[in-house]
Amino acid sequence: MKNNKEHLRLSNEESNKITREALELAILDLLEKKSLDKISITELVKKAGVSRSAFYRNYETKDALLCSIIKNTYDKICEFVKSKDFKKNSAEIFLAFFKAIKENKKYFNIYLSSSLKFENFVGENIKPSKTAMEHYEIVAKEGAFYSILVDWFNNGMKESEIEMAKICNKVFNNYDKGVDK
């Protein structure tokens, strides 16, 4: 009996995962055609091929669905960043960010057009600061890098990811040379 309950629990988890993926794809597709406030739950679940109750079993609102999409994308990027030594591999980290933004254009565009904002986009995920100087260095670099990402994205990503990584590497290496340690 215990084995059957475990199997049922796993089946429900798998079913919910498939439902969430279908809803994510559906909302991304619909957002290409109209704004979030113009998308109804009925339209969304029909596009996803799931029931209305399946939607509400996974999300309270459309905003919650968007938050989930954006948070998952953000978490993936942060996990990658946490796995690297930022100071030793800054060009690799920059390249990874620009590639991630280009590969996830839909998600990043939703993020930019939403009222959702992530604090510590890069900073504290890399290395916790020990001093006030380190903290404000991270804040400054994070803000500058985020501004560069957004500007590049909003201007149509004309420069390649490699070119942007080189630009950032040069900008931030020059920044480090100009700061008294």
N, C-alpha and C. Protein backbone atom coordinates (compact mmCIF):
# COMPACT_ATOMS: atom_id res chain seq x y z
N MET A 1 0.82 -1.20 0.00
CA MET A 1 0.00 0.00 0.00
C MET A 1 0.86 1.26 0.00
N LYS A 2 1.94 1.24 0.79
CA LYS A 2 2.84 2.39 0.87
C LYS A 2 3.45 2.68 -0.50
N ASN A 3 3.83 1.66 -1.22
CA ASN A 3 4.42 1.82 -2.54
C ASN A 3 3.44 2.48 -3.51
N ASN A 4 2.15 2.14 -3.43
CA ASN A 4 1.14 2.75 -4.29
C ASN A 4 0.97 4.23 -3.99
N LYS A 5 0.99 4.59 -2.70
CA LYS A 5 0.87 6.00 -2.31
C LYS A 5 2.08 6.79 -2.82
N GLU A 6 3.24 6.22 -2.72
CA GLU A 6 4.46 6.87 -3.21
C GLU A 6 4.38 7.07 -4.73
N HIS A 7 3.92 6.05 -5.42
CA HIS A 7 3.78 6.12 -6.88
C HIS A 7 2.78 7.20 -7.27
N LEU A 8 1.65 7.27 -6.54
CA LEU A 8 0.63 8.28 -6.81
C LEU A 8 1.19 9.68 -6.58
N ARG A 9 1.96 9.85 -5.50
CA ARG A 9 2.57 11.16 -5.20
C ARG A 9 3.50 11.57 -6.33
N LEU A 10 4.33 10.65 -6.80
CA LEU A 10 5.23 10.95 -7.91
C LEU A 10 4.46 11.27 -9.18
N SER A 11 3.40 10.54 -9.43
CA SER A 11 2.58 10.81 -10.61
C SER A 11 1.97 12.20 -10.55
N ASN A 12 1.48 12.61 -9.37
CA ASN A 12 0.92 13.95 -9.21
C ASN A 12 1.98 15.02 -9.41
N GLU A 13 3.18 14.80 -8.87
CA GLU A 13 4.27 15.76 -9.06
C GLU A 13 4.62 15.89 -10.54
N GLU A 14 4.70 14.77 -11.23
CA GLU A 14 5.01 14.79 -12.67
C GLU A 14 3.91 15.49 -13.45
N SER A 15 2.66 15.21 -13.09
CA SER A 15 1.52 15.84 -13.75
C SER A 15 1.54 17.36 -13.54
N ASN A 16 1.81 17.79 -12.31
CA ASN A 16 1.89 19.22 -12.02
C ASN A 16 3.05 19.87 -12.77
N LYS A 17 4.15 19.17 -12.89
CA LYS A 17 5.29 19.72 -13.63
C LYS A 17 4.94 19.91 -15.11
N ILE A 18 4.28 18.93 -15.69
CA ILE A 18 3.87 19.03 -17.10
C ILE A 18 2.86 20.17 -17.27
N THR A 19 1.94 20.29 -16.31
CA THR A 19 0.95 21.38 -16.35
C THR A 19 1.63 22.73 -16.29
N ARG A 20 2.59 22.89 -15.37
CA ARG A 20 3.31 24.17 -15.25
C ARG A 20 4.05 24.50 -16.53
N GLU A 21 4.71 23.51 -17.13
CA GLU A 21 5.44 23.74 -18.38
C GLU A 21 4.48 24.17 -19.50
N ALA A 22 3.33 23.52 -19.59
CA ALA A 22 2.35 23.87 -20.62
C ALA A 22 1.84 25.29 -20.41
N LEU A 23 1.58 25.67 -19.17
CA LEU A 23 1.12 27.02 -18.87
C LEU A 23 2.19 28.06 -19.17
N GLU A 24 3.45 27.75 -18.85
CA GLU A 24 4.54 28.67 -19.14
C GLU A 24 4.67 28.92 -20.64
N LEU A 25 4.66 27.85 -21.41
CA LEU A 25 4.76 28.00 -22.87
C LEU A 25 3.57 28.78 -23.42
N ALA A 26 2.38 28.48 -22.91
CA ALA A 26 1.17 29.15 -23.39
C ALA A 26 1.21 30.65 -23.10
N ILE A 27 1.61 31.02 -21.88
CA ILE A 27 1.61 32.45 -21.55
C ILE A 27 2.69 33.19 -22.35
N LEU A 28 3.82 32.54 -22.57
CA LEU A 28 4.86 33.19 -23.37
C LEU A 28 4.37 33.42 -24.80
N ASP A 29 3.68 32.44 -25.34
CA ASP A 29 3.14 32.58 -26.69
C ASP A 29 2.09 33.69 -26.74
N LEU A 30 1.20 33.72 -25.77
CA LEU A 30 0.17 34.75 -25.74
C LEU A 30 0.74 36.14 -25.52
N LEU A 31 1.80 36.25 -24.72
CA LEU A 31 2.41 37.55 -24.45
C LEU A 31 3.07 38.15 -25.69
N GLU A 32 3.36 37.33 -26.68
CA GLU A 32 3.90 37.87 -27.93
C GLU A 32 2.83 38.62 -28.71
N LYS A 33 1.58 38.34 -28.41
CA LYS A 33 0.47 38.92 -29.16
C LYS A 33 -0.27 40.02 -28.41
N LYS A 34 -0.23 39.95 -27.07
CA LYS A 34 -0.96 40.94 -26.28
C LYS A 34 -0.39 41.04 -24.87
N SER A 35 -0.81 42.08 -24.17
CA SER A 35 -0.30 42.30 -22.81
C SER A 35 -0.98 41.37 -21.82
N LEU A 36 -0.35 41.21 -20.67
CA LEU A 36 -0.82 40.29 -19.64
C LEU A 36 -2.26 40.61 -19.22
N ASP A 37 -2.57 41.88 -19.06
CA ASP A 37 -3.92 42.25 -18.60
C ASP A 37 -5.00 41.91 -19.62
N LYS A 38 -4.64 41.67 -20.86
CA LYS A 38 -5.60 41.30 -21.91
C LYS A 38 -5.75 39.79 -22.06
N ILE A 39 -4.95 39.02 -21.34
CA ILE A 39 -5.00 37.56 -21.41
C ILE A 39 -5.90 37.05 -20.28
N SER A 40 -6.92 36.29 -20.64
CA SER A 40 -7.81 35.72 -19.62
C SER A 40 -7.30 34.35 -19.19
N ILE A 41 -7.69 33.94 -18.01
CA ILE A 41 -7.33 32.60 -17.53
C ILE A 41 -7.93 31.55 -18.47
N THR A 42 -9.15 31.78 -18.91
CA THR A 42 -9.81 30.86 -19.83
C THR A 42 -8.99 30.68 -21.11
N GLU A 43 -8.54 31.79 -21.68
CA GLU A 43 -7.72 31.74 -22.89
C GLU A 43 -6.40 31.02 -22.62
N LEU A 44 -5.81 31.30 -21.48
CA LEU A 44 -4.52 30.70 -21.11
C LEU A 44 -4.63 29.19 -20.96
N VAL A 45 -5.63 28.72 -20.22
CA VAL A 45 -5.75 27.27 -20.00
C VAL A 45 -6.13 26.55 -21.29
N LYS A 46 -6.93 27.20 -22.12
CA LYS A 46 -7.28 26.59 -23.41
C LYS A 46 -6.04 26.44 -24.27
N LYS A 47 -5.22 27.47 -24.32
CA LYS A 47 -3.97 27.43 -25.10
C LYS A 47 -3.03 26.36 -24.55
N ALA A 48 -2.98 26.21 -23.23
CA ALA A 48 -2.08 25.24 -22.58
C ALA A 48 -2.63 23.82 -22.66
N GLY A 49 -3.93 23.69 -22.90
CA GLY A 49 -4.53 22.37 -22.94
C GLY A 49 -4.71 21.75 -21.56
N VAL A 50 -4.94 22.61 -20.57
CA VAL A 50 -5.15 22.13 -19.20
C VAL A 50 -6.46 22.72 -18.66
N SER A 51 -6.92 22.18 -17.56
CA SER A 51 -8.16 22.67 -16.96
C SER A 51 -7.90 23.92 -16.13
N ARG A 52 -8.97 24.64 -15.89
CA ARG A 52 -8.89 25.83 -15.05
C ARG A 52 -8.45 25.45 -13.63
N SER A 53 -8.96 24.32 -13.12
CA SER A 53 -8.55 23.90 -11.78
C SER A 53 -7.07 23.52 -11.74
N ALA A 54 -6.55 23.00 -12.86
CA ALA A 54 -5.11 22.68 -12.92
C ALA A 54 -4.29 23.96 -12.81
N PHE A 55 -4.77 25.04 -13.45
CA PHE A 55 -4.07 26.32 -13.32
C PHE A 55 -4.01 26.73 -11.86
N TYR A 56 -5.17 26.74 -11.21
CA TYR A 56 -5.24 27.21 -9.82
C TYR A 56 -4.60 26.25 -8.83
N ARG A 57 -4.41 25.02 -9.21
CA ARG A 57 -3.67 24.08 -8.36
C ARG A 57 -2.18 24.45 -8.33
N ASN A 58 -1.72 25.13 -9.38
CA ASN A 58 -0.30 25.47 -9.49
C ASN A 58 0.01 26.95 -9.26
N TYR A 59 -0.94 27.83 -9.58
CA TYR A 59 -0.70 29.28 -9.48
C TYR A 59 -1.95 29.98 -8.97
N GLU A 60 -1.74 31.04 -8.22
CA GLU A 60 -2.89 31.82 -7.75
C GLU A 60 -3.35 32.81 -8.80
N THR A 61 -2.38 33.37 -9.55
CA THR A 61 -2.69 34.41 -10.54
C THR A 61 -1.75 34.28 -11.74
N LYS A 62 -2.05 35.06 -12.78
CA LYS A 62 -1.16 35.12 -13.95
C LYS A 62 0.17 35.75 -13.54
N ASP A 63 0.13 36.73 -12.65
CA ASP A 63 1.36 37.35 -12.15
C ASP A 63 2.24 36.32 -11.46
N ALA A 64 1.61 35.43 -10.70
CA ALA A 64 2.37 34.38 -10.01
C ALA A 64 3.04 33.45 -11.03
N LEU A 65 2.36 33.16 -12.12
CA LEU A 65 2.93 32.35 -13.19
C LEU A 65 4.15 33.06 -13.78
N LEU A 66 4.02 34.35 -14.07
CA LEU A 66 5.16 35.11 -14.62
C LEU A 66 6.31 35.18 -13.62
N CYS A 67 5.98 35.41 -12.37
CA CYS A 67 7.04 35.44 -11.33
C CYS A 67 7.80 34.13 -11.31
N SER A 68 7.07 33.04 -11.42
CA SER A 68 7.70 31.72 -11.41
C SER A 68 8.65 31.54 -12.59
N ILE A 69 8.21 31.95 -13.77
CA ILE A 69 9.05 31.84 -14.97
C ILE A 69 10.32 32.65 -14.79
N ILE A 70 10.17 33.87 -14.36
CA ILE A 70 11.31 34.77 -14.22
C ILE A 70 12.24 34.29 -13.10
N LYS A 71 11.66 33.89 -11.99
CA LYS A 71 12.48 33.42 -10.87
C LYS A 71 13.27 32.18 -11.25
N ASN A 72 12.66 31.26 -11.96
CA ASN A 72 13.37 30.04 -12.39
C ASN A 72 14.53 30.38 -13.32
N THR A 73 14.32 31.31 -14.24
CA THR A 73 15.39 31.73 -15.14
C THR A 73 16.51 32.40 -14.33
N TYR A 74 16.13 33.30 -13.45
CA TYR A 74 17.09 33.99 -12.60
C TYR A 74 17.89 33.01 -11.75
N ASP A 75 17.19 32.04 -11.15
CA ASP A 75 17.86 31.05 -10.30
C ASP A 75 18.89 30.24 -11.09
N LYS A 76 18.55 29.88 -12.33
CA LYS A 76 19.49 29.13 -13.18
C LYS A 76 20.75 29.94 -13.43
N ILE A 77 20.59 31.21 -13.72
CA ILE A 77 21.74 32.07 -13.97
C ILE A 77 22.57 32.20 -12.69
N CYS A 78 21.91 32.41 -11.57
CA CYS A 78 22.63 32.56 -10.29
C CYS A 78 23.36 31.28 -9.91
N GLU A 79 22.76 30.14 -10.15
CA GLU A 79 23.43 28.87 -9.85
C GLU A 79 24.71 28.75 -10.68
N PHE A 80 24.64 29.14 -11.93
CA PHE A 80 25.83 29.10 -12.78
C PHE A 80 26.89 30.04 -12.22
N VAL A 81 26.47 31.25 -11.85
CA VAL A 81 27.42 32.24 -11.34
C VAL A 81 28.05 31.77 -10.04
N LYS A 82 27.25 31.18 -9.15
CA LYS A 82 27.78 30.69 -7.88
C LYS A 82 28.83 29.60 -8.07
N SER A 83 28.74 28.89 -9.18
CA SER A 83 29.67 27.79 -9.42
C SER A 83 31.02 28.26 -9.97
N LYS A 84 31.16 29.55 -10.20
CA LYS A 84 32.39 30.09 -10.80
C LYS A 84 33.09 31.05 -9.85
N ASP A 85 34.37 31.20 -10.04
CA ASP A 85 35.14 32.20 -9.32
C ASP A 85 35.13 33.46 -10.19
N PHE A 86 34.30 34.41 -9.83
CA PHE A 86 34.08 35.60 -10.64
C PHE A 86 35.36 36.37 -10.96
N LYS A 87 36.23 36.52 -9.99
CA LYS A 87 37.45 37.30 -10.22
C LYS A 87 38.40 36.62 -11.19
N LYS A 88 38.46 35.29 -11.16
CA LYS A 88 39.38 34.57 -12.04
C LYS A 88 38.81 34.32 -13.42
N ASN A 89 37.49 34.24 -13.53
CA ASN A 89 36.86 33.89 -14.80
C ASN A 89 35.85 34.94 -15.24
N SER A 90 36.14 36.21 -15.05
CA SER A 90 35.14 37.24 -15.33
C SER A 90 34.68 37.23 -16.78
N ALA A 91 35.58 37.01 -17.73
CA ALA A 91 35.17 37.00 -19.14
C ALA A 91 34.20 35.85 -19.40
N GLU A 92 34.44 34.71 -18.79
CA GLU A 92 33.55 33.56 -18.94
C GLU A 92 32.18 33.85 -18.32
N ILE A 93 32.17 34.49 -17.17
CA ILE A 93 30.91 34.83 -16.50
C ILE A 93 30.13 35.82 -17.35
N PHE A 94 30.79 36.86 -17.82
CA PHE A 94 30.11 37.85 -18.66
C PHE A 94 29.52 37.18 -19.90
N LEU A 95 30.31 36.34 -20.55
CA LEU A 95 29.84 35.64 -21.74
C LEU A 95 28.62 34.80 -21.42
N ALA A 96 28.64 34.11 -20.29
CA ALA A 96 27.50 33.27 -19.89
C ALA A 96 26.24 34.11 -19.70
N PHE A 97 26.38 35.28 -19.09
CA PHE A 97 25.22 36.15 -18.90
C PHE A 97 24.65 36.62 -20.23
N PHE A 98 25.51 37.08 -21.13
CA PHE A 98 25.02 37.58 -22.41
C PHE A 98 24.38 36.46 -23.23
N LYS A 99 24.97 35.27 -23.19
CA LYS A 99 24.37 34.12 -23.89
C LYS A 99 23.02 33.79 -23.27
N ALA A 100 22.94 33.79 -21.95
CA ALA A 100 21.68 33.46 -21.27
C ALA A 100 20.59 34.46 -21.63
N ILE A 101 20.94 35.72 -21.70
CA ILE A 101 19.95 36.75 -22.06
C ILE A 101 19.49 36.54 -23.50
N LYS A 102 20.42 36.29 -24.40
CA LYS A 102 20.05 36.10 -25.81
C LYS A 102 19.20 34.84 -25.99
N GLU A 103 19.55 33.78 -25.29
CA GLU A 103 18.80 32.52 -25.41
C GLU A 103 17.43 32.61 -24.74
N ASN A 104 17.28 33.52 -23.81
CA ASN A 104 16.03 33.66 -23.07
C ASN A 104 15.40 35.04 -23.30
N LYS A 105 15.41 35.48 -24.55
CA LYS A 105 14.90 36.81 -24.89
C LYS A 105 13.48 37.03 -24.38
N LYS A 106 12.63 36.03 -24.57
CA LYS A 106 11.23 36.17 -24.14
C LYS A 106 11.16 36.42 -22.64
N TYR A 107 11.90 35.63 -21.89
CA TYR A 107 11.87 35.75 -20.43
C TYR A 107 12.41 37.11 -19.99
N PHE A 108 13.51 37.51 -20.58
CA PHE A 108 14.13 38.77 -20.18
C PHE A 108 13.23 39.94 -20.55
N ASN A 109 12.59 39.87 -21.69
CA ASN A 109 11.67 40.92 -22.10
C ASN A 109 10.49 41.01 -21.14
N ILE A 110 9.97 39.87 -20.71
CA ILE A 110 8.89 39.85 -19.73
C ILE A 110 9.37 40.49 -18.43
N TYR A 111 10.56 40.11 -18.02
CA TYR A 111 11.13 40.67 -16.79
C TYR A 111 11.23 42.19 -16.89
N LEU A 112 11.75 42.69 -18.00
CA LEU A 112 11.93 44.14 -18.16
C LEU A 112 10.60 44.88 -18.22
N SER A 113 9.60 44.26 -18.83
CA SER A 113 8.32 44.94 -18.98
C SER A 113 7.42 44.77 -17.76
N SER A 114 7.84 43.95 -16.81
CA SER A 114 7.03 43.73 -15.61
C SER A 114 7.47 44.68 -14.51
N SER A 115 6.69 44.66 -13.45
CA SER A 115 7.06 45.45 -12.28
C SER A 115 7.94 44.63 -11.35
N LEU A 116 8.29 43.43 -11.77
CA LEU A 116 9.11 42.55 -10.96
C LEU A 116 10.57 42.99 -11.03
N LYS A 117 11.19 43.12 -9.90
CA LYS A 117 12.59 43.51 -9.87
C LYS A 117 13.35 42.57 -8.94
N PHE A 118 14.52 42.18 -9.36
CA PHE A 118 15.36 41.33 -8.53
C PHE A 118 16.48 42.17 -7.96
N GLU A 119 16.63 42.08 -6.65
CA GLU A 119 17.76 42.74 -6.01
C GLU A 119 18.94 41.79 -6.07
N ASN A 120 20.11 42.35 -5.98
CA ASN A 120 21.34 41.54 -6.02
C ASN A 120 21.38 40.64 -7.25
N PHE A 121 21.20 41.26 -8.40
CA PHE A 121 21.18 40.51 -9.66
C PHE A 121 22.40 39.62 -9.81
N VAL A 122 23.55 40.11 -9.41
CA VAL A 122 24.77 39.32 -9.47
C VAL A 122 25.43 39.27 -8.11
N GLY A 123 25.71 40.41 -7.57
CA GLY A 123 26.51 40.65 -6.38
C GLY A 123 26.63 39.61 -5.32
N GLU A 124 25.70 39.56 -4.39
CA GLU A 124 25.84 38.70 -3.23
C GLU A 124 25.79 37.22 -3.60
N ASN A 125 25.35 36.90 -4.81
CA ASN A 125 25.35 35.51 -5.24
C ASN A 125 26.75 35.03 -5.57
N ILE A 126 27.67 35.95 -5.74
CA ILE A 126 29.02 35.58 -6.10
C ILE A 126 29.87 35.37 -4.86
N LYS A 127 29.91 36.36 -4.00
CA LYS A 127 30.78 36.27 -2.83
C LYS A 127 30.25 37.25 -1.79
N PRO A 128 29.89 36.75 -0.61
CA PRO A 128 29.41 37.68 0.41
C PRO A 128 30.49 38.69 0.79
N SER A 129 30.09 39.94 0.98
CA SER A 129 31.05 40.97 1.31
C SER A 129 31.36 40.95 2.81
N LYS A 130 32.61 41.29 3.12
CA LYS A 130 33.05 41.30 4.51
C LYS A 130 33.17 42.72 5.06
N THR A 131 33.41 43.67 4.17
CA THR A 131 33.59 45.05 4.61
C THR A 131 32.61 45.95 3.86
N ALA A 132 32.47 47.16 4.35
CA ALA A 132 31.61 48.14 3.67
C ALA A 132 32.14 48.41 2.27
N MET A 133 33.46 48.51 2.12
CA MET A 133 34.06 48.74 0.81
C MET A 133 33.68 47.63 -0.17
N GLU A 134 33.83 46.38 0.26
CA GLU A 134 33.48 45.25 -0.61
C GLU A 134 32.00 45.27 -0.96
N HIS A 135 31.16 45.57 0.02
CA HIS A 135 29.72 45.63 -0.22
C HIS A 135 29.38 46.66 -1.30
N TYR A 136 29.91 47.88 -1.17
CA TYR A 136 29.56 48.93 -2.12
C TYR A 136 30.24 48.72 -3.48
N GLU A 137 31.36 48.07 -3.48
CA GLU A 137 31.96 47.68 -4.77
C GLU A 137 31.02 46.73 -5.51
N ILE A 138 30.49 45.75 -4.78
CA ILE A 138 29.57 44.79 -5.39
C ILE A 138 28.32 45.51 -5.90
N VAL A 139 27.77 46.41 -5.09
CA VAL A 139 26.58 47.15 -5.48
C VAL A 139 26.85 47.96 -6.76
N ALA A 140 27.99 48.64 -6.81
CA ALA A 140 28.34 49.45 -7.98
C ALA A 140 28.52 48.59 -9.24
N LYS A 141 29.26 47.51 -9.09
CA LYS A 141 29.49 46.63 -10.25
C LYS A 141 28.20 45.99 -10.72
N GLU A 142 27.39 45.56 -9.75
CA GLU A 142 26.11 44.94 -10.08
C GLU A 142 25.23 45.92 -10.85
N GLY A 143 25.13 47.14 -10.37
CA GLY A 143 24.31 48.15 -11.04
C GLY A 143 24.83 48.47 -12.43
N ALA A 144 26.14 48.60 -12.55
CA ALA A 144 26.74 48.90 -13.85
C ALA A 144 26.51 47.74 -14.82
N PHE A 145 26.74 46.52 -14.37
CA PHE A 145 26.57 45.36 -15.24
C PHE A 145 25.11 45.19 -15.66
N TYR A 146 24.20 45.36 -14.71
CA TYR A 146 22.78 45.26 -15.03
C TYR A 146 22.40 46.32 -16.07
N SER A 147 22.90 47.54 -15.91
CA SER A 147 22.61 48.61 -16.87
C SER A 147 23.14 48.27 -18.26
N ILE A 148 24.31 47.68 -18.31
CA ILE A 148 24.89 47.27 -19.59
C ILE A 148 24.02 46.19 -20.24
N LEU A 149 23.62 45.19 -19.47
CA LEU A 149 22.75 44.12 -20.00
C LEU A 149 21.46 44.69 -20.58
N VAL A 150 20.81 45.55 -19.82
CA VAL A 150 19.53 46.12 -20.24
C VAL A 150 19.71 47.00 -21.48
N ASP A 151 20.74 47.81 -21.48
CA ASP A 151 20.99 48.68 -22.63
C ASP A 151 21.26 47.86 -23.89
N TRP A 152 22.08 46.85 -23.77
CA TRP A 152 22.39 45.96 -24.90
C TRP A 152 21.11 45.30 -25.41
N PHE A 153 20.29 44.80 -24.49
CA PHE A 153 19.04 44.14 -24.86
C PHE A 153 18.08 45.11 -25.55
N ASN A 154 17.89 46.28 -24.93
CA ASN A 154 16.95 47.26 -25.48
C ASN A 154 17.39 47.83 -26.82
N ASN A 155 18.69 47.79 -27.09
CA ASN A 155 19.20 48.28 -28.38
C ASN A 155 19.31 47.18 -29.43
N GLY A 156 18.66 46.06 -29.19
CA GLY A 156 18.57 45.02 -30.21
C GLY A 156 19.72 44.02 -30.21
N MET A 157 20.53 43.98 -29.17
CA MET A 157 21.63 43.01 -29.06
C MET A 157 22.49 42.98 -30.33
N LYS A 158 22.86 44.15 -30.80
CA LYS A 158 23.64 44.26 -32.05
C LYS A 158 25.04 43.68 -31.91
N GLU A 159 25.66 43.91 -30.76
CA GLU A 159 26.99 43.36 -30.53
C GLU A 159 26.85 41.89 -30.15
N SER A 160 27.83 41.09 -30.54
CA SER A 160 27.80 39.67 -30.19
C SER A 160 28.01 39.49 -28.69
N GLU A 161 27.67 38.32 -28.20
CA GLU A 161 27.87 38.01 -26.80
C GLU A 161 29.36 38.07 -26.46
N ILE A 162 30.19 37.59 -27.37
CA ILE A 162 31.65 37.61 -27.14
C ILE A 162 32.15 39.04 -27.06
N GLU A 163 31.68 39.89 -27.97
CA GLU A 163 32.11 41.29 -27.96
C GLU A 163 31.67 41.97 -26.66
N MET A 164 30.46 41.69 -26.19
CA MET A 164 29.98 42.29 -24.95
C MET A 164 30.77 41.78 -23.75
N ALA A 165 31.13 40.50 -23.76
CA ALA A 165 31.93 39.94 -22.66
C ALA A 165 33.29 40.63 -22.61
N LYS A 166 33.88 40.87 -23.78
CA LYS A 166 35.18 41.56 -23.82
C LYS A 166 35.05 42.99 -23.31
N ILE A 167 33.98 43.68 -23.72
CA ILE A 167 33.76 45.05 -23.27
C ILE A 167 33.63 45.09 -21.74
N CYS A 168 32.80 44.20 -21.20
CA CYS A 168 32.60 44.17 -19.74
C CYS A 168 33.87 43.80 -19.01
N ASN A 169 34.59 42.85 -19.55
CA ASN A 169 35.84 42.44 -18.92
C ASN A 169 36.80 43.63 -18.84
N LYS A 170 36.89 44.39 -19.92
CA LYS A 170 37.77 45.57 -19.93
C LYS A 170 37.25 46.65 -18.98
N VAL A 171 35.95 46.93 -19.02
CA VAL A 171 35.37 47.96 -18.15
C VAL A 171 35.60 47.62 -16.68
N PHE A 172 35.32 46.38 -16.30
CA PHE A 172 35.41 46.02 -14.89
C PHE A 172 36.84 45.80 -14.44
N ASN A 173 37.72 45.36 -15.32
CA ASN A 173 39.14 45.27 -14.94
C ASN A 173 39.72 46.64 -14.76
N ASN A 174 39.34 47.62 -15.61
CA ASN A 174 39.79 48.99 -15.43
C ASN A 174 39.22 49.59 -14.15
N TYR A 175 37.99 49.22 -13.83
CA TYR A 175 37.36 49.70 -12.60
C TYR A 175 38.17 49.23 -11.39
N ASP A 176 38.53 47.95 -11.39
CA ASP A 176 39.29 47.39 -10.26
C ASP A 176 40.64 48.05 -10.10
N LYS A 177 41.26 48.43 -11.19
CA LYS A 177 42.60 49.07 -11.12
C LYS A 177 42.50 50.48 -10.53
N GLY A 178 41.34 51.12 -10.68
CA GLY A 178 41.20 52.49 -10.21
C GLY A 178 40.73 52.63 -8.78
N VAL A 179 40.47 51.54 -8.10
CA VAL A 179 39.95 51.59 -6.74
C VAL A 179 41.07 51.28 -5.75
N ASP A 180 41.18 52.14 -4.74
CA ASP A 180 42.16 51.89 -3.68
C ASP A 180 41.70 50.70 -2.85
N LYS A 181 42.60 49.78 -2.62
CA LYS A 181 42.26 48.59 -1.81
C LYS A 181 42.85 48.72 -0.44
